[in-house]
Amino acid sequence: MTRQEYFAKLKREAIGRKASSTKYASKRRLRVDTLDPFTEFVMEECSLLAQDREEITGMKWHIDHIVPLFHKDACGLHVAANLQVVPAWWNHKKRNFNMDEYIIAGY
């Protein structure tokens, strides 16, 4: 393989720097190497549900932590009971607020 072919292959197969970094970002933020099997199952189901909702509604959906993982007053856990599938715009607007705080604040 020539140098030009090698770089052409890299360019063709590249997923992009941003996509590559976000692919593992949640795992890095959580600092979790392994999840319990039930939480892994729920994460997979949430991911499939988000994809289905995206196909049906035509808008992006995210897996959200009800109680944020990092917050000054509370620290949520990365467990099945703390996950929900919500529209992406809502998740971006909510940021790291707890759902109760978010709703009370009127965002």
PDB file of N, CA and C in Angstrom:
ATOM      1  N   MET A   1       0.851  -1.173   0.000  1.00  0.00           N
ATOM      2  CA  MET A   1       0.000   0.000   0.000  1.00  0.00           C
ATOM      3  C   MET A   1       0.901   1.243   0.000  1.00  0.00           C
ATOM      4  N   THR A   2       0.607   2.153  -0.879  1.00  0.00           N
ATOM      5  CA  THR A   2       1.394   3.381  -0.962  1.00  0.00           C
ATOM      6  C   THR A   2       0.939   4.352   0.118  1.00  0.00           C
ATOM      7  N   ARG A   3       1.744   5.369   0.297  1.00  0.00           N
ATOM      8  CA  ARG A   3       1.418   6.386   1.304  1.00  0.00           C
ATOM      9  C   ARG A   3       0.105   7.086   0.965  1.00  0.00           C
ATOM     10  N   GLN A   4      -0.085   7.399  -0.299  1.00  0.00           N
ATOM     11  CA  GLN A   4      -1.307   8.072  -0.735  1.00  0.00           C
ATOM     12  C   GLN A   4      -2.532   7.186  -0.508  1.00  0.00           C
ATOM     13  N   GLU A   5      -2.397   5.896  -0.802  1.00  0.00           N
ATOM     14  CA  GLU A   5      -3.507   4.968  -0.558  1.00  0.00           C
ATOM     15  C   GLU A   5      -3.821   4.866   0.926  1.00  0.00           C
ATOM     16  N   TYR A   6      -2.763   4.844   1.734  1.00  0.00           N
ATOM     17  CA  TYR A   6      -2.947   4.755   3.190  1.00  0.00           C
ATOM     18  C   TYR A   6      -3.737   5.954   3.715  1.00  0.00           C
ATOM     19  N   PHE A   7      -3.334   7.169   3.313  1.00  0.00           N
ATOM     20  CA  PHE A   7      -4.025   8.366   3.786  1.00  0.00           C
ATOM     21  C   PHE A   7      -5.433   8.474   3.207  1.00  0.00           C
ATOM     22  N   ALA A   8      -5.627   8.010   1.992  1.00  0.00           N
ATOM     23  CA  ALA A   8      -6.968   7.996   1.409  1.00  0.00           C
ATOM     24  C   ALA A   8      -7.873   7.049   2.193  1.00  0.00           C
ATOM     25  N   LYS A   9      -7.328   5.892   2.603  1.00  0.00           N
ATOM     26  CA  LYS A   9      -8.099   4.941   3.403  1.00  0.00           C
ATOM     27  C   LYS A   9      -8.446   5.537   4.767  1.00  0.00           C
ATOM     28  N   LEU A  10      -7.477   6.203   5.396  1.00  0.00           N
ATOM     29  CA  LEU A  10      -7.740   6.846   6.682  1.00  0.00           C
ATOM     30  C   LEU A  10      -8.856   7.878   6.574  1.00  0.00           C
ATOM     31  N   LYS A  11      -8.779   8.681   5.517  1.00  0.00           N
ATOM     32  CA  LYS A  11      -9.788   9.721   5.314  1.00  0.00           C
ATOM     33  C   LYS A  11     -11.167   9.112   5.064  1.00  0.00           C
ATOM     34  N   ARG A  12     -11.205   8.022   4.305  1.00  0.00           N
ATOM     35  CA  ARG A  12     -12.461   7.350   3.973  1.00  0.00           C
ATOM     36  C   ARG A  12     -13.111   6.729   5.208  1.00  0.00           C
ATOM     37  N   GLU A  13     -12.293   6.141   6.088  1.00  0.00           N
ATOM     38  CA  GLU A  13     -12.817   5.394   7.230  1.00  0.00           C
ATOM     39  C   GLU A  13     -12.885   6.207   8.519  1.00  0.00           C
ATOM     40  N   ALA A  14     -12.449   7.449   8.468  1.00  0.00           N
ATOM     41  CA  ALA A  14     -12.429   8.273   9.679  1.00  0.00           C
ATOM     42  C   ALA A  14     -13.850   8.603  10.112  1.00  0.00           C
ATOM     43  N   ILE A  15     -14.079   8.511  11.410  1.00  0.00           N
ATOM     44  CA  ILE A  15     -15.391   8.900  11.934  1.00  0.00           C
ATOM     45  C   ILE A  15     -15.369  10.334  12.424  1.00  0.00           C
ATOM     46  N   GLY A  16     -14.229  10.957  12.373  1.00  0.00           N
ATOM     47  CA  GLY A  16     -14.120  12.348  12.793  1.00  0.00           C
ATOM     48  C   GLY A  16     -13.673  12.452  14.232  1.00  0.00           C
ATOM     49  N   ARG A  17     -12.941  13.508  14.497  1.00  0.00           N
ATOM     50  CA  ARG A  17     -12.383  13.695  15.841  1.00  0.00           C
ATOM     51  C   ARG A  17     -13.475  13.863  16.890  1.00  0.00           C
ATOM     52  N   LYS A  18     -14.477  14.680  16.599  1.00  0.00           N
ATOM     53  CA  LYS A  18     -15.548  14.918  17.560  1.00  0.00           C
ATOM     54  C   LYS A  18     -16.334  13.643  17.827  1.00  0.00           C
ATOM     55  N   ALA A  19     -16.687  12.929  16.773  1.00  0.00           N
ATOM     56  CA  ALA A  19     -17.450  11.692  16.944  1.00  0.00           C
ATOM     57  C   ALA A  19     -16.640  10.673  17.725  1.00  0.00           C
ATOM     58  N   SER A  20     -15.348  10.623  17.457  1.00  0.00           N
ATOM     59  CA  SER A  20     -14.484   9.684  18.152  1.00  0.00           C
ATOM     60  C   SER A  20     -14.384  10.024  19.639  1.00  0.00           C
ATOM     61  N   SER A  21     -14.271  11.302  19.941  1.00  0.00           N
ATOM     62  CA  SER A  21     -14.132  11.696  21.346  1.00  0.00           C
ATOM     63  C   SER A  21     -15.445  11.546  22.104  1.00  0.00           C
ATOM     64  N   THR A  22     -16.573  11.805  21.442  1.00  0.00           N
ATOM     65  CA  THR A  22     -17.848  11.672  22.141  1.00  0.00           C
ATOM     66  C   THR A  22     -18.287  10.217  22.280  1.00  0.00           C
ATOM     67  N   LYS A  23     -17.679   9.347  21.469  1.00  0.00           N
ATOM     68  CA  LYS A  23     -18.049   7.938  21.525  1.00  0.00           C
ATOM     69  C   LYS A  23     -17.814   7.356  22.916  1.00  0.00           C
ATOM     70  N   TYR A  24     -16.736   7.753  23.551  1.00  0.00           N
ATOM     71  CA  TYR A  24     -16.399   7.223  24.869  1.00  0.00           C
ATOM     72  C   TYR A  24     -16.493   8.278  25.966  1.00  0.00           C
ATOM     73  N   ALA A  25     -17.035   9.438  25.665  1.00  0.00           N
ATOM     74  CA  ALA A  25     -17.076  10.525  26.634  1.00  0.00           C
ATOM     75  C   ALA A  25     -17.885  10.177  27.869  1.00  0.00           C
ATOM     76  N   SER A  26     -19.037   9.553  27.683  1.00  0.00           N
ATOM     77  CA  SER A  26     -19.867   9.255  28.858  1.00  0.00           C
ATOM     78  C   SER A  26     -19.168   8.284  29.789  1.00  0.00           C
ATOM     79  N   LYS A  27     -18.473   7.310  29.234  1.00  0.00           N
ATOM     80  CA  LYS A  27     -17.756   6.350  30.075  1.00  0.00           C
ATOM     81  C   LYS A  27     -16.615   7.033  30.827  1.00  0.00           C
ATOM     82  N   ARG A  28     -15.931   7.973  30.159  1.00  0.00           N
ATOM     83  CA  ARG A  28     -14.851   8.702  30.832  1.00  0.00           C
ATOM     84  C   ARG A  28     -15.410   9.570  31.948  1.00  0.00           C
ATOM     85  N   ARG A  29     -16.532  10.260  31.682  1.00  0.00           N
ATOM     86  CA  ARG A  29     -17.123  11.122  32.700  1.00  0.00           C
ATOM     87  C   ARG A  29     -17.572  10.321  33.905  1.00  0.00           C
ATOM     88  N   LEU A  30     -18.116   9.152  33.665  1.00  0.00           N
ATOM     89  CA  LEU A  30     -18.628   8.328  34.754  1.00  0.00           C
ATOM     90  C   LEU A  30     -17.513   7.670  35.550  1.00  0.00           C
ATOM     91  N   ARG A  31     -16.363   7.515  34.917  1.00  0.00           N
ATOM     92  CA  ARG A  31     -15.237   6.817  35.541  1.00  0.00           C
ATOM     93  C   ARG A  31     -15.669   5.430  36.007  1.00  0.00           C
ATOM     94  N   VAL A  32     -16.446   4.777  35.162  1.00  0.00           N
ATOM     95  CA  VAL A  32     -16.949   3.450  35.470  1.00  0.00           C
ATOM     96  C   VAL A  32     -16.387   2.479  34.443  1.00  0.00           C
ATOM     97  N   ASP A  33     -15.726   1.447  34.932  1.00  0.00           N
ATOM     98  CA  ASP A  33     -15.193   0.445  34.018  1.00  0.00           C
ATOM     99  C   ASP A  33     -16.248  -0.599  33.676  1.00  0.00           C
ATOM    100  N   THR A  34     -16.996  -1.012  34.688  1.00  0.00           N
ATOM    101  CA  THR A  34     -18.024  -2.020  34.449  1.00  0.00           C
ATOM    102  C   THR A  34     -19.320  -1.593  35.130  1.00  0.00           C
ATOM    103  N   LEU A  35     -20.405  -1.887  34.488  1.00  0.00           N
ATOM    104  CA  LEU A  35     -21.727  -1.624  35.046  1.00  0.00           C
ATOM    105  C   LEU A  35     -22.347  -2.965  35.397  1.00  0.00           C
ATOM    106  N   ASP A  36     -23.297  -2.930  36.327  1.00  0.00           N
ATOM    107  CA  ASP A  36     -23.969  -4.186  36.636  1.00  0.00           C
ATOM    108  C   ASP A  36     -24.804  -4.601  35.424  1.00  0.00           C
ATOM    109  N   PRO A  37     -25.057  -5.887  35.265  1.00  0.00           N
ATOM    110  CA  PRO A  37     -25.752  -6.381  34.060  1.00  0.00           C
ATOM    111  C   PRO A  37     -27.117  -5.739  33.826  1.00  0.00           C
ATOM    112  N   PHE A  38     -27.864  -5.460  34.888  1.00  0.00           N
ATOM    113  CA  PHE A  38     -29.183  -4.864  34.715  1.00  0.00           C
ATOM    114  C   PHE A  38     -29.066  -3.447  34.155  1.00  0.00           C
ATOM    115  N   THR A  39     -28.129  -2.659  34.673  1.00  0.00           N
ATOM    116  CA  THR A  39     -27.942  -1.303  34.177  1.00  0.00           C
ATOM    117  C   THR A  39     -27.470  -1.327  32.725  1.00  0.00           C
ATOM    118  N   GLU A  40     -26.601  -2.254  32.371  1.00  0.00           N
ATOM    119  CA  GLU A  40     -26.180  -2.387  30.973  1.00  0.00           C
ATOM    120  C   GLU A  40     -27.374  -2.702  30.084  1.00  0.00           C
ATOM    121  N   PHE A  41     -28.249  -3.601  30.542  1.00  0.00           N
ATOM    122  CA  PHE A  41     -29.450  -3.961  29.791  1.00  0.00           C
ATOM    123  C   PHE A  41     -30.346  -2.734  29.607  1.00  0.00           C
ATOM    124  N   VAL A  42     -30.562  -1.977  30.675  1.00  0.00           N
ATOM    125  CA  VAL A  42     -31.419  -0.799  30.598  1.00  0.00           C
ATOM    126  C   VAL A  42     -30.803   0.256  29.683  1.00  0.00           C
ATOM    127  N   MET A  43     -29.473   0.417  29.725  1.00  0.00           N
ATOM    128  CA  MET A  43     -28.804   1.371  28.836  1.00  0.00           C
ATOM    129  C   MET A  43     -29.022   0.983  27.367  1.00  0.00           C
ATOM    130  N   GLU A  44     -28.892  -0.302  27.076  1.00  0.00           N
ATOM    131  CA  GLU A  44     -29.123  -0.770  25.707  1.00  0.00           C
ATOM    132  C   GLU A  44     -30.571  -0.532  25.281  1.00  0.00           C
ATOM    133  N   GLU A  45     -31.508  -0.820  26.181  1.00  0.00           N
ATOM    134  CA  GLU A  45     -32.932  -0.595  25.882  1.00  0.00           C
ATOM    135  C   GLU A  45     -33.220   0.889  25.677  1.00  0.00           C
ATOM    136  N   CYS A  46     -32.630   1.739  26.515  1.00  0.00           N
ATOM    137  CA  CYS A  46     -32.810   3.187  26.363  1.00  0.00           C
ATOM    138  C   CYS A  46     -32.249   3.659  25.029  1.00  0.00           C
ATOM    139  N   SER A  47     -31.108   3.113  24.656  1.00  0.00           N
ATOM    140  CA  SER A  47     -30.494   3.477  23.385  1.00  0.00           C
ATOM    141  C   SER A  47     -31.397   3.091  22.214  1.00  0.00           C
ATOM    142  N   LEU A  48     -31.955   1.891  22.266  1.00  0.00           N
ATOM    143  CA  LEU A  48     -32.876   1.451  21.208  1.00  0.00           C
ATOM    144  C   LEU A  48     -34.145   2.299  21.191  1.00  0.00           C
ATOM    145  N   LEU A  49     -34.658   2.631  22.378  1.00  0.00           N
ATOM    146  CA  LEU A  49     -35.851   3.471  22.472  1.00  0.00           C
ATOM    147  C   LEU A  49     -35.577   4.853  21.887  1.00  0.00           C
ATOM    148  N   ALA A  50     -34.399   5.411  22.183  1.00  0.00           N
ATOM    149  CA  ALA A  50     -34.041   6.723  21.631  1.00  0.00           C
ATOM    150  C   ALA A  50     -33.972   6.663  20.110  1.00  0.00           C
ATOM    151  N   GLN A  51     -33.411   5.587  19.569  1.00  0.00           N
ATOM    152  CA  GLN A  51     -33.337   5.440  18.112  1.00  0.00           C
ATOM    153  C   GLN A  51     -34.732   5.316  17.505  1.00  0.00           C
ATOM    154  N   ASP A  52     -35.591   4.526  18.143  1.00  0.00           N
ATOM    155  CA  ASP A  52     -36.962   4.369  17.636  1.00  0.00           C
ATOM    156  C   ASP A  52     -37.707   5.696  17.658  1.00  0.00           C
ATOM    157  N   ARG A  53     -37.584   6.424  18.759  1.00  0.00           N
ATOM    158  CA  ARG A  53     -38.270   7.713  18.860  1.00  0.00           C
ATOM    159  C   ARG A  53     -37.746   8.696  17.824  1.00  0.00           C
ATOM    160  N   GLU A  54     -36.440   8.629  17.550  1.00  0.00           N
ATOM    161  CA  GLU A  54     -35.859   9.516  16.548  1.00  0.00           C
ATOM    162  C   GLU A  54     -36.430   9.214  15.168  1.00  0.00           C
ATOM    163  N   GLU A  55     -36.590   7.925  14.840  1.00  0.00           N
ATOM    164  CA  GLU A  55     -37.161   7.547  13.550  1.00  0.00           C
ATOM    165  C   GLU A  55     -38.614   7.991  13.435  1.00  0.00           C
ATOM    166  N   ILE A  56     -39.365   7.853  14.531  1.00  0.00           N
ATOM    167  CA  ILE A  56     -40.789   8.182  14.507  1.00  0.00           C
ATOM    168  C   ILE A  56     -41.017   9.687  14.478  1.00  0.00           C
ATOM    169  N   THR A  57     -40.308  10.429  15.345  1.00  0.00           N
ATOM    170  CA  THR A  57     -40.569  11.862  15.477  1.00  0.00           C
ATOM    171  C   THR A  57     -39.706  12.728  14.578  1.00  0.00           C
ATOM    172  N   GLY A  58     -38.564  12.189  14.131  1.00  0.00           N
ATOM    173  CA  GLY A  58     -37.666  12.975  13.301  1.00  0.00           C
ATOM    174  C   GLY A  58     -36.792  13.937  14.081  1.00  0.00           C
ATOM    175  N   MET A  59     -36.791  13.850  15.410  1.00  0.00           N
ATOM    176  CA  MET A  59     -35.902  14.698  16.212  1.00  0.00           C
ATOM    177  C   MET A  59     -35.015  13.832  17.096  1.00  0.00           C
ATOM    178  N   LYS A  60     -33.933  14.415  17.561  1.00  0.00           N
ATOM    179  CA  LYS A  60     -32.924  13.685  18.330  1.00  0.00           C
ATOM    180  C   LYS A  60     -33.406  13.450  19.758  1.00  0.00           C
ATOM    181  N   TRP A  61     -33.083  12.259  20.324  1.00  0.00           N
ATOM    182  CA  TRP A  61     -33.422  11.904  21.699  1.00  0.00           C
ATOM    183  C   TRP A  61     -32.154  11.488  22.435  1.00  0.00           C
ATOM    184  N   HIS A  62     -32.093  11.794  23.740  1.00  0.00           N
ATOM    185  CA  HIS A  62     -30.932  11.463  24.573  1.00  0.00           C
ATOM    186  C   HIS A  62     -31.334  10.603  25.760  1.00  0.00           C
ATOM    187  N   ILE A  63     -30.358   9.889  26.291  1.00  0.00           N
ATOM    188  CA  ILE A  63     -30.525   9.208  27.572  1.00  0.00           C
ATOM    189  C   ILE A  63     -30.061  10.194  28.634  1.00  0.00           C
ATOM    190  N   ASP A  64     -30.944  10.494  29.579  1.00  0.00           N
ATOM    191  CA  ASP A  64     -30.688  11.524  30.581  1.00  0.00           C
ATOM    192  C   ASP A  64     -30.655  10.913  31.970  1.00  0.00           C
ATOM    193  N   HIS A  65     -29.840  11.481  32.842  1.00  0.00           N
ATOM    194  CA  HIS A  65     -29.849  11.100  34.251  1.00  0.00           C
ATOM    195  C   HIS A  65     -30.845  12.003  34.975  1.00  0.00           C
ATOM    196  N   ILE A  66     -31.806  11.423  35.650  1.00  0.00           N
ATOM    197  CA  ILE A  66     -32.828  12.193  36.353  1.00  0.00           C
ATOM    198  C   ILE A  66     -32.166  13.060  37.418  1.00  0.00           C
ATOM    199  N   VAL A  67     -31.371  12.447  38.285  1.00  0.00           N
ATOM    200  CA  VAL A  67     -30.551  13.195  39.232  1.00  0.00           C
ATOM    201  C   VAL A  67     -29.169  13.278  38.590  1.00  0.00           C
ATOM    202  N   PRO A  68     -28.667  14.482  38.327  1.00  0.00           N
ATOM    203  CA  PRO A  68     -27.402  14.628  37.601  1.00  0.00           C
ATOM    204  C   PRO A  68     -26.240  13.916  38.287  1.00  0.00           C
ATOM    205  N   LEU A  69     -25.290  13.468  37.476  1.00  0.00           N
ATOM    206  CA  LEU A  69     -24.118  12.799  38.028  1.00  0.00           C
ATOM    207  C   LEU A  69     -23.239  13.778  38.794  1.00  0.00           C
ATOM    208  N   PHE A  70     -23.148  15.006  38.297  1.00  0.00           N
ATOM    209  CA  PHE A  70     -22.326  16.018  38.950  1.00  0.00           C
ATOM    210  C   PHE A  70     -23.170  17.253  39.218  1.00  0.00           C
ATOM    211  N   HIS A  71     -23.373  17.558  40.479  1.00  0.00           N
ATOM    212  CA  HIS A  71     -24.157  18.711  40.884  1.00  0.00           C
ATOM    213  C   HIS A  71     -23.654  19.152  42.238  1.00  0.00           C
ATOM    214  N   LYS A  72     -23.771  20.439  42.553  1.00  0.00           N
ATOM    215  CA  LYS A  72     -23.240  20.924  43.827  1.00  0.00           C
ATOM    216  C   LYS A  72     -24.014  20.391  45.031  1.00  0.00           C
ATOM    217  N   ASP A  73     -25.309  20.081  44.872  1.00  0.00           N
ATOM    218  CA  ASP A  73     -26.132  19.636  46.001  1.00  0.00           C
ATOM    219  C   ASP A  73     -26.381  18.135  46.033  1.00  0.00           C
ATOM    220  N   ALA A  74     -26.225  17.467  44.915  1.00  0.00           N
ATOM    221  CA  ALA A  74     -26.531  16.032  44.871  1.00  0.00           C
ATOM    222  C   ALA A  74     -25.659  15.359  43.829  1.00  0.00           C
ATOM    223  N   CYS A  75     -25.464  14.089  44.017  1.00  0.00           N
ATOM    224  CA  CYS A  75     -24.691  13.313  43.052  1.00  0.00           C
ATOM    225  C   CYS A  75     -25.516  12.083  42.695  1.00  0.00           C
ATOM    226  N   GLY A  76     -26.036  12.065  41.483  1.00  0.00           N
ATOM    227  CA  GLY A  76     -26.818  10.926  41.044  1.00  0.00           C
ATOM    228  C   GLY A  76     -25.920   9.761  40.699  1.00  0.00           C
ATOM    229  N   LEU A  77     -26.511   8.617  40.600  1.00  0.00           N
ATOM    230  CA  LEU A  77     -25.772   7.408  40.278  1.00  0.00           C
ATOM    231  C   LEU A  77     -26.057   6.989  38.843  1.00  0.00           C
ATOM    232  N   HIS A  78     -25.120   6.275  38.287  1.00  0.00           N
ATOM    233  CA  HIS A  78     -25.317   5.735  36.943  1.00  0.00           C
ATOM    234  C   HIS A  78     -25.928   4.347  37.100  1.00  0.00           C
ATOM    235  N   VAL A  79     -27.212   4.344  37.453  1.00  0.00           N
ATOM    236  CA  VAL A  79     -27.965   3.100  37.651  1.00  0.00           C
ATOM    237  C   VAL A  79     -29.254   3.185  36.840  1.00  0.00           C
ATOM    238  N   ALA A  80     -29.873   2.053  36.651  1.00  0.00           N
ATOM    239  CA  ALA A  80     -31.069   1.965  35.811  1.00  0.00           C
ATOM    240  C   ALA A  80     -32.191   2.886  36.285  1.00  0.00           C
ATOM    241  N   ALA A  81     -32.379   2.999  37.572  1.00  0.00           N
ATOM    242  CA  ALA A  81     -33.484   3.800  38.107  1.00  0.00           C
ATOM    243  C   ALA A  81     -33.277   5.297  37.909  1.00  0.00           C
ATOM    244  N   ASN A  82     -32.089   5.712  37.517  1.00  0.00           N
ATOM    245  CA  ASN A  82     -31.797   7.133  37.358  1.00  0.00           C
ATOM    246  C   ASN A  82     -31.731   7.542  35.880  1.00  0.00           C
ATOM    247  N   LEU A  83     -32.257   6.718  34.990  1.00  0.00           N
ATOM    248  CA  LEU A  83     -32.177   6.994  33.560  1.00  0.00           C
ATOM    249  C   LEU A  83     -33.553   7.236  32.965  1.00  0.00           C
ATOM    250  N   GLN A  84     -33.593   8.110  31.963  1.00  0.00           N
ATOM    251  CA  GLN A  84     -34.818   8.373  31.216  1.00  0.00           C
ATOM    252  C   GLN A  84     -34.436   8.780  29.803  1.00  0.00           C
ATOM    253  N   VAL A  85     -35.342   8.592  28.866  1.00  0.00           N
ATOM    254  CA  VAL A  85     -35.115   8.997  27.477  1.00  0.00           C
ATOM    255  C   VAL A  85     -35.939  10.249  27.233  1.00  0.00           C
ATOM    256  N   VAL A  86     -35.236  11.339  26.868  1.00  0.00           N
ATOM    257  CA  VAL A  86     -35.891  12.638  26.699  1.00  0.00           C
ATOM    258  C   VAL A  86     -35.433  13.272  25.389  1.00  0.00           C
ATOM    259  N   PRO A  87     -36.187  14.261  24.880  1.00  0.00           N
ATOM    260  CA  PRO A  87     -35.741  14.967  23.675  1.00  0.00           C
ATOM    261  C   PRO A  87     -34.395  15.654  23.922  1.00  0.00           C
ATOM    262  N   ALA A  88     -33.567  15.687  22.911  1.00  0.00           N
ATOM    263  CA  ALA A  88     -32.225  16.260  23.049  1.00  0.00           C
ATOM    264  C   ALA A  88     -32.276  17.730  23.438  1.00  0.00           C
ATOM    265  N   TRP A  89     -33.188  18.490  22.834  1.00  0.00           N
ATOM    266  CA  TRP A  89     -33.263  19.920  23.142  1.00  0.00           C
ATOM    267  C   TRP A  89     -33.581  20.129  24.618  1.00  0.00           C
ATOM    268  N   TRP A  90     -34.424  19.272  25.168  1.00  0.00           N
ATOM    269  CA  TRP A  90     -34.802  19.376  26.581  1.00  0.00           C
ATOM    270  C   TRP A  90     -33.615  19.024  27.466  1.00  0.00           C
ATOM    271  N   ASN A  91     -32.879  17.995  27.088  1.00  0.00           N
ATOM    272  CA  ASN A  91     -31.718  17.577  27.860  1.00  0.00           C
ATOM    273  C   ASN A  91     -30.638  18.656  27.854  1.00  0.00           C
ATOM    274  N   HIS A  92     -30.419  19.301  26.705  1.00  0.00           N
ATOM    275  CA  HIS A  92     -29.429  20.374  26.636  1.00  0.00           C
ATOM    276  C   HIS A  92     -29.851  21.568  27.485  1.00  0.00           C
ATOM    277  N   LYS A  93     -31.131  21.859  27.473  1.00  0.00           N
ATOM    278  CA  LYS A  93     -31.640  22.993  28.242  1.00  0.00           C
ATOM    279  C   LYS A  93     -31.595  22.699  29.740  1.00  0.00           C
ATOM    280  N   LYS A  94     -31.864  21.471  30.115  1.00  0.00           N
ATOM    281  CA  LYS A  94     -31.894  21.048  31.525  1.00  0.00           C
ATOM    282  C   LYS A  94     -30.499  21.076  32.145  1.00  0.00           C
ATOM    283  N   ARG A  95     -29.480  20.774  31.364  1.00  0.00           N
ATOM    284  CA  ARG A  95     -28.085  20.709  31.803  1.00  0.00           C
ATOM    285  C   ARG A  95     -27.945  19.782  33.005  1.00  0.00           C
ATOM    286  N   ASN A  96     -27.340  20.270  34.099  1.00  0.00           N
ATOM    287  CA  ASN A  96     -27.120  19.392  35.241  1.00  0.00           C
ATOM    288  C   ASN A  96     -28.095  19.661  36.381  1.00  0.00           C
ATOM    289  N   PHE A  97     -29.267  20.219  36.054  1.00  0.00           N
ATOM    290  CA  PHE A  97     -30.304  20.411  37.073  1.00  0.00           C
ATOM    291  C   PHE A  97     -30.992  19.086  37.367  1.00  0.00           C
ATOM    292  N   ASN A  98     -31.435  18.935  38.603  1.00  0.00           N
ATOM    293  CA  ASN A  98     -32.306  17.823  38.955  1.00  0.00           C
ATOM    294  C   ASN A  98     -33.645  18.106  38.277  1.00  0.00           C
ATOM    295  N   MET A  99     -34.374  17.086  37.912  1.00  0.00           N
ATOM    296  CA  MET A  99     -35.653  17.300  37.233  1.00  0.00           C
ATOM    297  C   MET A  99     -36.587  18.177  38.050  1.00  0.00           C
ATOM    298  N   ASP A 100     -36.644  17.960  39.367  1.00  0.00           N
ATOM    299  CA  ASP A 100     -37.523  18.772  40.216  1.00  0.00           C
ATOM    300  C   ASP A 100     -37.125  20.240  40.172  1.00  0.00           C
ATOM    301  N   GLU A 101     -35.829  20.513  40.312  1.00  0.00           N
ATOM    302  CA  GLU A 101     -35.346  21.885  40.261  1.00  0.00           C
ATOM    303  C   GLU A 101     -35.637  22.499  38.904  1.00  0.00           C
ATOM    304  N   TYR A 102     -35.468  21.710  37.866  1.00  0.00           N
ATOM    305  CA  TYR A 102     -35.674  22.185  36.506  1.00  0.00           C
ATOM    306  C   TYR A 102     -37.133  22.586  36.285  1.00  0.00           C
ATOM    307  N   ILE A 103     -38.053  21.737  36.743  1.00  0.00           N
ATOM    308  CA  ILE A 103     -39.481  22.014  36.555  1.00  0.00           C
ATOM    309  C   ILE A 103     -39.916  23.199  37.424  1.00  0.00           C
ATOM    310  N   ILE A 104     -39.455  23.252  38.672  1.00  0.00           N
ATOM    311  CA  ILE A 104     -39.811  24.349  39.575  1.00  0.00           C
ATOM    312  C   ILE A 104     -39.278  25.676  39.063  1.00  0.00           C
ATOM    313  N   ALA A 105     -38.062  25.675  38.523  1.00  0.00           N
ATOM    314  CA  ALA A 105     -37.468  26.915  38.022  1.00  0.00           C
ATOM    315  C   ALA A 105     -38.197  27.437  36.791  1.00  0.00           C
ATOM    316  N   GLY A 106     -39.017  26.597  36.168  1.00  0.00           N
ATOM    317  CA  GLY A 106     -39.819  27.031  35.024  1.00  0.00           C
ATOM    318  C   GLY A 106     -39.081  27.067  33.713  1.00  0.00           C
ATOM    319  N   TYR A 107     -38.050  26.268  33.587  1.00  0.00           N
ATOM    320  CA  TYR A 107     -37.323  26.228  32.327  1.00  0.00           C
ATOM    321  C   TYR A 107     -38.148  25.442  31.368  1.00  0.00           C
TER     322      TYR A 107
END
